[in-house]
C-alpha atoms as a PDB file:
ATOM      1  CA  MET A   1      91.383 -98.032-106.967  1.00  0.00           C
ATOM      2  CA  THR A   2      90.790 -97.711-103.243  1.00  0.00           C
ATOM      3  CA  GLN A   3      87.743 -98.964-101.384  1.00  0.00           C
ATOM      4  CA  ARG A   4      86.705 -95.339-100.961  1.00  0.00           C
ATOM      5  CA  ASP A   5      86.913 -94.848-104.730  1.00  0.00           C
ATOM      6  CA  MET A   6      84.909 -98.010-105.392  1.00  0.00           C
ATOM      7  CA  ALA A   7      82.266 -97.091-102.825  1.00  0.00           C
ATOM      8  CA  GLY A   8      81.936 -93.590-104.258  1.00  0.00           C
ATOM      9  CA  TYR A   9      81.582 -94.956-107.782  1.00  0.00           C
ATOM     10  CA  LEU A  10      78.885 -97.392-106.608  1.00  0.00           C
ATOM     11  CA  GLY A  11      77.106 -94.765-104.507  1.00  0.00           C
ATOM     12  CA  ILE A  12      77.550 -96.671-101.254  1.00  0.00           C
ATOM     13  CA  THR A  13      79.620 -96.197 -98.109  1.00  0.00           C
ATOM     14  CA  THR A  14      82.934 -97.891 -97.453  1.00  0.00           C
ATOM     15  CA  VAL A  15      81.246 -99.633 -94.514  1.00  0.00           C
ATOM     16  CA  THR A  16      78.730-101.202 -96.897  1.00  0.00           C
ATOM     17  CA  LEU A  17      81.553-102.345 -99.160  1.00  0.00           C
ATOM     18  CA  ARG A  18      83.413-103.885 -96.204  1.00  0.00           C
ATOM     19  CA  ASN A  19      80.190-105.577 -95.089  1.00  0.00           C
ATOM     20  CA  TRP A  20      79.790-107.066 -98.564  1.00  0.00           C
ATOM     21  CA  ARG A  21      83.335-108.402 -98.363  1.00  0.00           C
ATOM     22  CA  LYS A  22      82.594-109.970 -94.989  1.00  0.00           C
ATOM     23  CA  ASN A  23      78.965-111.084 -95.362  1.00  0.00           C
ATOM     24  CA  LYS A  24      78.454-111.377 -99.116  1.00  0.00           C
ATOM     25  CA  PRO A  25      81.823-112.488-100.524  1.00  0.00           C
ATOM     26  CA  HIS A  26      80.362-113.514-103.895  1.00  0.00           C
ATOM     27  CA  LEU A  27      78.837-110.078-104.406  1.00  0.00           C
ATOM     28  CA  TYR A  28      82.093-108.426-103.370  1.00  0.00           C
ATOM     29  CA  GLU A  29      84.010-110.640-105.810  1.00  0.00           C
ATOM     30  CA  ILE A  30      81.644-109.693-108.647  1.00  0.00           C
ATOM     31  CA  VAL A  31      82.171-106.003-107.862  1.00  0.00           C
ATOM     32  CA  LEU A  32      85.962-106.415-107.882  1.00  0.00           C
ATOM     33  CA  LYS A  33      85.832-108.325-111.161  1.00  0.00           C
ATOM     34  CA  GLY A  34      83.712-105.557-112.664  1.00  0.00           C
ATOM     35  CA  PHE A  35      86.286-102.943-111.732  1.00  0.00           C
ATOM     36  CA  ALA A  36      89.091-105.177-113.040  1.00  0.00           C
ATOM     37  CA  PHE A  37      87.206-105.603-116.318  1.00  0.00           C
ATOM     38  CA  ASP A  38      86.803-101.826-116.671  1.00  0.00           C
ATOM     39  CA  LYS A  39      90.532-101.392-116.107  1.00  0.00           C
ATOM     40  CA  ILE A  40      91.372-103.987-118.766  1.00  0.00           C
ATOM     41  CA  VAL A  41      88.998-102.331-121.253  1.00  0.00           C
ATOM     42  CA  GLU A  42      90.619 -98.928-120.640  1.00  0.00           C
ATOM     43  CA  GLN A  43      94.099-100.407-121.084  1.00  0.00           C
ATOM     44  CA  SER A  44      92.991-102.100-124.309  1.00  0.00           C
ATOM     45  CA  LYS A  45      91.596 -98.821-125.651  1.00  0.00           C
ATOM     46  CA  LYS A  46      94.868 -97.082-124.865  1.00  0.00           C
ATOM     47  CA  SER A  47      96.902 -99.843-126.538  1.00  0.00           C
ATOM     48  CA  TYR A  48      94.665 -99.707-129.605  1.00  0.00           C
ATOM     49  CA  GLU A  49      95.026 -95.941-129.882  1.00  0.00           C
ATOM     50  CA  GLU A  50      98.822 -96.258-129.589  1.00  0.00           C
ATOM     51  CA  ALA A  51      98.829 -98.954-132.286  1.00  0.00           C
ATOM     52  CA  VAL A  52      96.769 -96.772-134.629  1.00  0.00           C
ATOM     53  CA  THR A  53      99.183 -93.883-134.070  1.00  0.00           C
ATOM     54  CA  LEU A  54     102.184 -96.106-134.817  1.00  0.00           C
ATOM     55  CA  GLN A  55     100.465 -97.487-137.897  1.00  0.00           C
ATOM     56  CA  GLY A  56      99.971 -93.960-139.199  1.00  0.00           C
ATOM     57  CA  LYS A  57     103.622 -93.109-138.591  1.00  0.00           C
ATOM     58  CA  PHE A  58     104.815 -96.268-140.338  1.00  0.00           C
ATOM     59  CA  LYS A  59     102.494 -95.698-143.291  1.00  0.00           C
ATOM     60  CA  SER A  60     103.742 -92.153-143.607  1.00  0.00           C
ATOM     61  CA  GLN A  61     107.371 -93.252-143.486  1.00  0.00           C
ATOM     62  CA  PHE A  62     106.744 -96.127-145.879  1.00  0.00           C
ATOM     63  CA  CYS A  63     105.080 -93.849-148.428  1.00  0.00           C
ATOM     64  CA  ASN A  64     108.176 -91.645-148.457  1.00  0.00           C
ATOM     65  CA  LEU A  65     110.464 -94.540-149.431  1.00  0.00           C
ATOM     66  CA  SER A  66     111.566 -95.168-152.990  1.00  0.00           C
ATOM     67  CA  ASN A  67     109.879 -98.013-154.853  1.00  0.00           C
ATOM     68  CA  LYS A  68     113.080-100.072-154.729  1.00  0.00           C
ATOM     69  CA  THR A  69     113.291 -99.684-150.949  1.00  0.00           C
ATOM     70  CA  LYS A  70     109.604-100.544-150.580  1.00  0.00           C
ATOM     71  CA  GLU A  71     110.145-103.742-152.551  1.00  0.00           C
ATOM     72  CA  LEU A  72     113.064-104.682-150.307  1.00  0.00           C
ATOM     73  CA  HIS A  73     111.035-104.074-147.157  1.00  0.00           C
ATOM     74  CA  LEU A  74     108.083-106.081-148.460  1.00  0.00           C
ATOM     75  CA  SER A  75     110.389-108.935-149.484  1.00  0.00           C
ATOM     76  CA  LEU A  76     111.857-108.974-146.001  1.00  0.00           C
ATOM     77  CA  ILE A  77     108.397-109.049-144.428  1.00  0.00           C
ATOM     78  CA  VAL A  78     107.358-111.973-146.636  1.00  0.00           C
ATOM     79  CA  TYR A  79     110.608-113.791-145.819  1.00  0.00           C
ATOM     80  CA  LEU A  80     110.128-113.308-142.076  1.00  0.00           C
ATOM     81  CA  GLN A  81     106.565-114.642-142.227  1.00  0.00           C
ATOM     82  CA  GLU A  82     107.686-117.942-143.776  1.00  0.00           C
END
């Protein structure tokens, strides 16, 4: 995110943001950390949604297996967890 983007989001000018960086470094750092936190939250949401999609695909595929094959897969999972 550019300084222009950050300033627009905060409703301030880029000059104000640069002044914060120069004259109020702690405030500027808090602002940057806030934007970094938002980015991490968005990435986590995306990862979660991808995991849920994969889980659905695996469940669907697993349900289509024969009981014998399911037992083999579950045995392998238990073995790998030991």
